[in-house]
Amino acid sequence: MNITDTVIDLIYIPRKFEDLGNVSMYSLLSDSGYFEAHSQISESTIREALQAHPETVDEWMRFSEDKRTNAGWYFRPSHRGYEVGYFSRSQSGIKSAEYFDRTEACAVFIKNEIEEIRIKGT
């Protein structure tokens, strides 16, 4: 699988996660080839794919909104555009950044989210 195919698979993961039901994000990432190619896939690579498939941005935002966790990355609208951050109940202070461009914000969220899954192995 080449990098382009891997990135296209990545941006459609929330749809697959919802459609398949009983599957983990880890297994979807593994199936996409991301683990082998992670160092070659940047936020800008992801952003380019999102620009070609803008409907997937809404799917990632819904995925972020539907997460039920004590800690993790999020992507949501804010009063100035879009916010991407890391929430943790056990740590004080939420690390976040504001973006005017929703596609850029989504790419940042995706890269952080999938790297956390890759590193933690869950």
N, C-alpha and C. Protein backbone atom coordinates (compact mmCIF):
# COMPACT_ATOMS: atom_id res chain seq x y z
N MET A 1 0.85 -1.18 0.00
CA MET A 1 0.00 0.00 0.00
C MET A 1 0.90 1.24 0.00
N ASN A 2 0.55 2.22 -0.84
CA ASN A 2 1.36 3.43 -0.87
C ASN A 2 0.82 4.47 0.13
N ILE A 3 1.58 5.53 0.32
CA ILE A 3 1.23 6.56 1.32
C ILE A 3 -0.12 7.20 1.01
N THR A 4 -0.37 7.49 -0.24
CA THR A 4 -1.65 8.12 -0.62
C THR A 4 -2.82 7.24 -0.22
N ASP A 5 -2.74 5.95 -0.50
CA ASP A 5 -3.82 5.02 -0.13
C ASP A 5 -3.97 4.95 1.39
N THR A 6 -2.87 4.94 2.10
CA THR A 6 -2.91 4.90 3.56
C THR A 6 -3.61 6.13 4.12
N VAL A 7 -3.27 7.30 3.59
CA VAL A 7 -3.88 8.54 4.09
C VAL A 7 -5.37 8.58 3.75
N ILE A 8 -5.74 8.13 2.58
CA ILE A 8 -7.17 8.07 2.24
C ILE A 8 -7.89 7.13 3.20
N ASP A 9 -7.31 5.97 3.48
CA ASP A 9 -7.90 5.06 4.47
C ASP A 9 -8.04 5.74 5.83
N LEU A 10 -7.02 6.50 6.22
CA LEU A 10 -7.04 7.19 7.52
C LEU A 10 -8.21 8.15 7.63
N ILE A 11 -8.41 8.97 6.62
CA ILE A 11 -9.44 10.00 6.76
C ILE A 11 -10.85 9.42 6.76
N TYR A 12 -11.00 8.19 6.30
CA TYR A 12 -12.31 7.54 6.32
C TYR A 12 -12.51 6.62 7.53
N ILE A 13 -11.59 6.60 8.45
CA ILE A 13 -11.70 5.72 9.62
C ILE A 13 -12.96 5.97 10.45
N PRO A 14 -13.38 7.21 10.73
CA PRO A 14 -14.61 7.36 11.52
C PRO A 14 -15.83 6.71 10.86
N ARG A 15 -15.91 6.80 9.54
CA ARG A 15 -17.03 6.17 8.82
C ARG A 15 -16.97 4.65 8.99
N LYS A 16 -15.78 4.08 8.83
CA LYS A 16 -15.61 2.63 8.99
C LYS A 16 -15.92 2.22 10.43
N PHE A 17 -15.46 3.02 11.38
CA PHE A 17 -15.68 2.73 12.80
C PHE A 17 -17.18 2.67 13.09
N GLU A 18 -17.92 3.60 12.53
CA GLU A 18 -19.37 3.64 12.74
C GLU A 18 -20.08 2.52 11.97
N ASP A 19 -19.70 2.32 10.71
CA ASP A 19 -20.36 1.31 9.88
C ASP A 19 -20.11 -0.12 10.36
N LEU A 20 -18.89 -0.41 10.78
CA LEU A 20 -18.54 -1.78 11.17
C LEU A 20 -18.98 -2.12 12.59
N GLY A 21 -19.08 -1.11 13.44
CA GLY A 21 -19.58 -1.34 14.78
C GLY A 21 -18.58 -1.96 15.73
N ASN A 22 -18.39 -3.24 15.66
CA ASN A 22 -17.57 -3.95 16.64
C ASN A 22 -16.12 -4.07 16.16
N VAL A 23 -15.45 -2.92 16.05
CA VAL A 23 -14.06 -2.88 15.61
C VAL A 23 -13.36 -1.76 16.38
N SER A 24 -12.10 -1.94 16.66
CA SER A 24 -11.37 -0.91 17.41
C SER A 24 -10.68 0.06 16.46
N MET A 25 -10.43 1.24 16.97
CA MET A 25 -9.66 2.22 16.20
C MET A 25 -8.26 1.68 15.93
N TYR A 26 -7.70 0.98 16.88
CA TYR A 26 -6.38 0.40 16.71
C TYR A 26 -6.35 -0.54 15.50
N SER A 27 -7.33 -1.42 15.39
CA SER A 27 -7.33 -2.36 14.27
C SER A 27 -7.56 -1.65 12.94
N LEU A 28 -8.38 -0.61 12.93
CA LEU A 28 -8.58 0.16 11.69
C LEU A 28 -7.30 0.87 11.28
N LEU A 29 -6.58 1.41 12.24
CA LEU A 29 -5.29 2.05 11.94
C LEU A 29 -4.29 1.02 11.43
N SER A 30 -4.27 -0.13 12.06
CA SER A 30 -3.37 -1.19 11.63
C SER A 30 -3.68 -1.61 10.20
N ASP A 31 -4.96 -1.80 9.90
CA ASP A 31 -5.38 -2.20 8.56
C ASP A 31 -5.05 -1.15 7.50
N SER A 32 -5.02 0.12 7.90
CA SER A 32 -4.74 1.20 6.95
C SER A 32 -3.27 1.23 6.51
N GLY A 33 -2.40 0.60 7.29
CA GLY A 33 -0.97 0.65 7.01
C GLY A 33 -0.27 1.80 7.71
N TYR A 34 -1.00 2.51 8.56
CA TYR A 34 -0.43 3.68 9.23
C TYR A 34 0.77 3.34 10.11
N PHE A 35 0.71 2.25 10.82
CA PHE A 35 1.79 1.93 11.76
C PHE A 35 3.13 1.80 11.06
N GLU A 36 3.12 1.24 9.86
CA GLU A 36 4.36 1.10 9.10
C GLU A 36 4.81 2.42 8.48
N ALA A 37 3.86 3.31 8.18
CA ALA A 37 4.17 4.54 7.44
C ALA A 37 4.04 5.81 8.26
N HIS A 38 3.85 5.69 9.57
CA HIS A 38 3.53 6.86 10.41
C HIS A 38 4.52 8.00 10.26
N SER A 39 5.79 7.71 10.11
CA SER A 39 6.80 8.78 10.02
C SER A 39 6.73 9.53 8.69
N GLN A 40 6.06 8.96 7.71
CA GLN A 40 5.94 9.59 6.40
C GLN A 40 4.63 10.37 6.24
N ILE A 41 3.78 10.32 7.26
CA ILE A 41 2.47 10.97 7.18
C ILE A 41 2.43 12.13 8.17
N SER A 42 2.33 13.32 7.62
CA SER A 42 2.34 14.54 8.44
C SER A 42 0.95 15.17 8.47
N GLU A 43 0.83 16.21 9.28
CA GLU A 43 -0.42 16.96 9.31
C GLU A 43 -0.73 17.53 7.93
N SER A 44 0.29 18.00 7.21
CA SER A 44 0.04 18.58 5.89
C SER A 44 -0.41 17.51 4.89
N THR A 45 0.12 16.30 4.99
CA THR A 45 -0.32 15.20 4.12
C THR A 45 -1.79 14.89 4.38
N ILE A 46 -2.15 14.86 5.64
CA ILE A 46 -3.54 14.60 6.03
C ILE A 46 -4.44 15.74 5.57
N ARG A 47 -3.97 16.98 5.75
CA ARG A 47 -4.76 18.15 5.33
C ARG A 47 -5.07 18.11 3.84
N GLU A 48 -4.09 17.74 3.03
CA GLU A 48 -4.32 17.65 1.58
C GLU A 48 -5.40 16.63 1.25
N ALA A 49 -5.38 15.49 1.93
CA ALA A 49 -6.41 14.47 1.70
C ALA A 49 -7.78 14.97 2.15
N LEU A 50 -7.83 15.67 3.27
CA LEU A 50 -9.09 16.22 3.75
C LEU A 50 -9.65 17.26 2.78
N GLN A 51 -8.77 18.04 2.18
CA GLN A 51 -9.22 19.04 1.19
C GLN A 51 -9.85 18.37 -0.02
N ALA A 52 -9.35 17.20 -0.39
CA ALA A 52 -9.91 16.46 -1.52
C ALA A 52 -11.19 15.72 -1.14
N HIS A 53 -11.39 15.49 0.16
CA HIS A 53 -12.56 14.75 0.67
C HIS A 53 -13.14 15.50 1.87
N PRO A 54 -13.68 16.71 1.65
CA PRO A 54 -14.09 17.57 2.77
C PRO A 54 -15.20 17.00 3.65
N GLU A 55 -15.98 16.07 3.15
CA GLU A 55 -17.05 15.48 3.96
C GLU A 55 -16.50 14.72 5.16
N THR A 56 -15.25 14.31 5.09
CA THR A 56 -14.67 13.54 6.18
C THR A 56 -14.37 14.41 7.40
N VAL A 57 -14.24 15.72 7.22
CA VAL A 57 -13.99 16.61 8.35
C VAL A 57 -15.16 16.54 9.33
N ASP A 58 -16.39 16.56 8.82
CA ASP A 58 -17.57 16.44 9.69
C ASP A 58 -17.57 15.10 10.42
N GLU A 59 -17.14 14.06 9.74
CA GLU A 59 -17.11 12.73 10.36
C GLU A 59 -16.11 12.69 11.51
N TRP A 60 -14.96 13.33 11.34
CA TRP A 60 -13.97 13.38 12.43
C TRP A 60 -14.49 14.23 13.58
N MET A 61 -15.22 15.31 13.28
CA MET A 61 -15.76 16.13 14.36
C MET A 61 -16.79 15.34 15.15
N ARG A 62 -17.64 14.59 14.47
CA ARG A 62 -18.62 13.74 15.17
C ARG A 62 -17.90 12.67 16.00
N PHE A 63 -16.85 12.09 15.44
CA PHE A 63 -16.07 11.11 16.18
C PHE A 63 -15.53 11.72 17.46
N SER A 64 -14.97 12.91 17.38
CA SER A 64 -14.43 13.60 18.54
C SER A 64 -15.52 13.87 19.58
N GLU A 65 -16.68 14.33 19.12
CA GLU A 65 -17.79 14.63 20.02
C GLU A 65 -18.31 13.38 20.73
N ASP A 66 -18.25 12.24 20.05
CA ASP A 66 -18.81 11.00 20.58
C ASP A 66 -17.85 10.22 21.49
N LYS A 67 -16.60 10.67 21.57
CA LYS A 67 -15.64 9.95 22.41
C LYS A 67 -16.05 10.01 23.87
N ARG A 68 -15.94 8.90 24.55
CA ARG A 68 -16.21 8.83 25.99
C ARG A 68 -14.93 8.35 26.66
N THR A 69 -14.19 9.29 27.22
CA THR A 69 -12.90 8.94 27.78
C THR A 69 -12.54 9.90 28.91
N ASN A 70 -11.64 9.48 29.76
CA ASN A 70 -11.14 10.34 30.83
C ASN A 70 -10.01 11.24 30.36
N ALA A 71 -9.44 10.90 29.21
CA ALA A 71 -8.36 11.71 28.65
C ALA A 71 -8.30 11.45 27.15
N GLY A 72 -7.98 12.48 26.40
CA GLY A 72 -7.84 12.30 24.96
C GLY A 72 -7.92 13.60 24.19
N TRP A 73 -7.64 13.50 22.91
CA TRP A 73 -7.67 14.64 22.01
C TRP A 73 -9.10 14.96 21.60
N TYR A 74 -9.36 16.23 21.35
CA TYR A 74 -10.67 16.65 20.87
C TYR A 74 -10.52 17.70 19.77
N PHE A 75 -11.58 17.84 18.99
CA PHE A 75 -11.67 18.78 17.88
C PHE A 75 -13.10 19.31 17.88
N ARG A 76 -13.26 20.62 18.05
CA ARG A 76 -14.60 21.17 18.14
C ARG A 76 -14.63 22.62 17.67
N PRO A 77 -15.83 23.10 17.31
CA PRO A 77 -15.96 24.52 16.96
C PRO A 77 -15.69 25.38 18.20
N SER A 78 -15.18 26.56 17.97
CA SER A 78 -14.97 27.52 19.06
C SER A 78 -15.46 28.89 18.60
N HIS A 79 -15.42 29.84 19.49
CA HIS A 79 -15.91 31.17 19.15
C HIS A 79 -15.04 31.87 18.10
N ARG A 80 -13.81 31.43 17.93
CA ARG A 80 -12.91 32.04 16.94
C ARG A 80 -12.63 31.14 15.74
N GLY A 81 -13.23 29.97 15.70
CA GLY A 81 -12.97 29.04 14.61
C GLY A 81 -13.11 27.62 15.10
N TYR A 82 -11.96 26.98 15.33
CA TYR A 82 -11.95 25.58 15.77
C TYR A 82 -10.85 25.38 16.79
N GLU A 83 -11.14 24.52 17.73
CA GLU A 83 -10.19 24.24 18.81
C GLU A 83 -9.78 22.78 18.76
N VAL A 84 -8.49 22.54 18.91
CA VAL A 84 -7.95 21.21 19.05
C VAL A 84 -7.18 21.19 20.36
N GLY A 85 -7.44 20.18 21.16
CA GLY A 85 -6.76 20.14 22.45
C GLY A 85 -6.74 18.75 23.03
N TYR A 86 -6.11 18.68 24.19
CA TYR A 86 -6.02 17.43 24.93
C TYR A 86 -6.68 17.63 26.28
N PHE A 87 -7.65 16.78 26.57
CA PHE A 87 -8.38 16.84 27.83
C PHE A 87 -7.94 15.70 28.72
N SER A 88 -7.71 16.01 29.99
CA SER A 88 -7.39 14.98 30.97
C SER A 88 -7.99 15.36 32.31
N ARG A 89 -8.77 14.47 32.87
CA ARG A 89 -9.35 14.73 34.20
C ARG A 89 -8.30 14.69 35.29
N SER A 90 -7.21 13.98 35.04
CA SER A 90 -6.19 13.83 36.08
C SER A 90 -5.14 14.93 36.04
N GLN A 91 -5.08 15.71 34.98
CA GLN A 91 -4.09 16.79 34.88
C GLN A 91 -4.81 18.13 34.87
N SER A 92 -4.28 19.07 35.61
CA SER A 92 -4.89 20.40 35.56
C SER A 92 -4.38 21.13 34.32
N GLY A 93 -5.21 21.98 33.79
CA GLY A 93 -4.83 22.73 32.61
C GLY A 93 -5.00 21.91 31.35
N ILE A 94 -5.81 22.39 30.48
CA ILE A 94 -6.06 21.71 29.22
C ILE A 94 -5.20 22.36 28.15
N LYS A 95 -4.42 21.56 27.47
CA LYS A 95 -3.58 22.05 26.38
C LYS A 95 -4.44 22.14 25.13
N SER A 96 -4.53 23.34 24.53
CA SER A 96 -5.34 23.48 23.32
C SER A 96 -4.80 24.61 22.44
N ALA A 97 -5.26 24.60 21.19
CA ALA A 97 -4.88 25.63 20.23
C ALA A 97 -6.09 25.96 19.37
N GLU A 98 -6.18 27.20 18.95
CA GLU A 98 -7.27 27.67 18.09
C GLU A 98 -6.80 27.73 16.64
N TYR A 99 -7.70 27.38 15.73
CA TYR A 99 -7.42 27.42 14.30
C TYR A 99 -8.58 28.11 13.59
N PHE A 100 -8.27 28.92 12.60
CA PHE A 100 -9.31 29.55 11.80
C PHE A 100 -9.80 28.59 10.72
N ASP A 101 -8.89 27.78 10.23
CA ASP A 101 -9.20 26.85 9.15
C ASP A 101 -9.62 25.50 9.71
N ARG A 102 -10.81 25.06 9.42
CA ARG A 102 -11.34 23.82 9.99
C ARG A 102 -10.60 22.59 9.47
N THR A 103 -10.16 22.62 8.22
CA THR A 103 -9.43 21.49 7.66
C THR A 103 -8.07 21.35 8.34
N GLU A 104 -7.41 22.46 8.58
CA GLU A 104 -6.13 22.42 9.30
C GLU A 104 -6.33 21.88 10.71
N ALA A 105 -7.36 22.37 11.39
CA ALA A 105 -7.64 21.90 12.75
C ALA A 105 -7.91 20.40 12.76
N CYS A 106 -8.67 19.93 11.79
CA CYS A 106 -8.98 18.51 11.72
C CYS A 106 -7.72 17.69 11.48
N ALA A 107 -6.84 18.16 10.61
CA ALA A 107 -5.59 17.44 10.34
C ALA A 107 -4.73 17.34 11.60
N VAL A 108 -4.68 18.42 12.37
CA VAL A 108 -3.92 18.41 13.62
C VAL A 108 -4.54 17.40 14.59
N PHE A 109 -5.86 17.42 14.70
CA PHE A 109 -6.55 16.47 15.57
C PHE A 109 -6.26 15.04 15.14
N ILE A 110 -6.41 14.75 13.86
CA ILE A 110 -6.22 13.38 13.38
C ILE A 110 -4.81 12.89 13.69
N LYS A 111 -3.81 13.68 13.36
CA LYS A 111 -2.42 13.24 13.58
C LYS A 111 -2.18 12.98 15.07
N ASN A 112 -2.65 13.87 15.95
CA ASN A 112 -2.46 13.65 17.38
C ASN A 112 -3.23 12.43 17.86
N GLU A 113 -4.45 12.27 17.42
CA GLU A 113 -5.29 11.14 17.82
C GLU A 113 -4.67 9.81 17.39
N ILE A 114 -4.27 9.71 16.15
CA ILE A 114 -3.74 8.43 15.67
C ILE A 114 -2.36 8.13 16.22
N GLU A 115 -1.58 9.17 16.50
CA GLU A 115 -0.27 8.93 17.13
C GLU A 115 -0.45 8.43 18.56
N GLU A 116 -1.43 8.99 19.27
CA GLU A 116 -1.68 8.50 20.63
C GLU A 116 -2.09 7.03 20.61
N ILE A 117 -2.94 6.67 19.66
CA ILE A 117 -3.37 5.27 19.54
C ILE A 117 -2.18 4.38 19.18
N ARG A 118 -1.35 4.85 18.25
CA ARG A 118 -0.17 4.06 17.84
C ARG A 118 0.78 3.84 19.00
N ILE A 119 1.05 4.90 19.75
CA ILE A 119 2.03 4.82 20.85
C ILE A 119 1.51 3.99 22.02
N LYS A 120 0.24 4.20 22.35
CA LYS A 120 -0.33 3.46 23.49
C LYS A 120 -0.70 2.04 23.13
N GLY A 121 -0.92 1.80 21.84
CA GLY A 121 -1.27 0.44 21.41
C GLY A 121 -2.68 0.02 21.73
N THR A 122 -3.59 0.99 21.87
CA THR A 122 -4.98 0.66 22.14
C THR A 122 -5.91 1.46 21.27
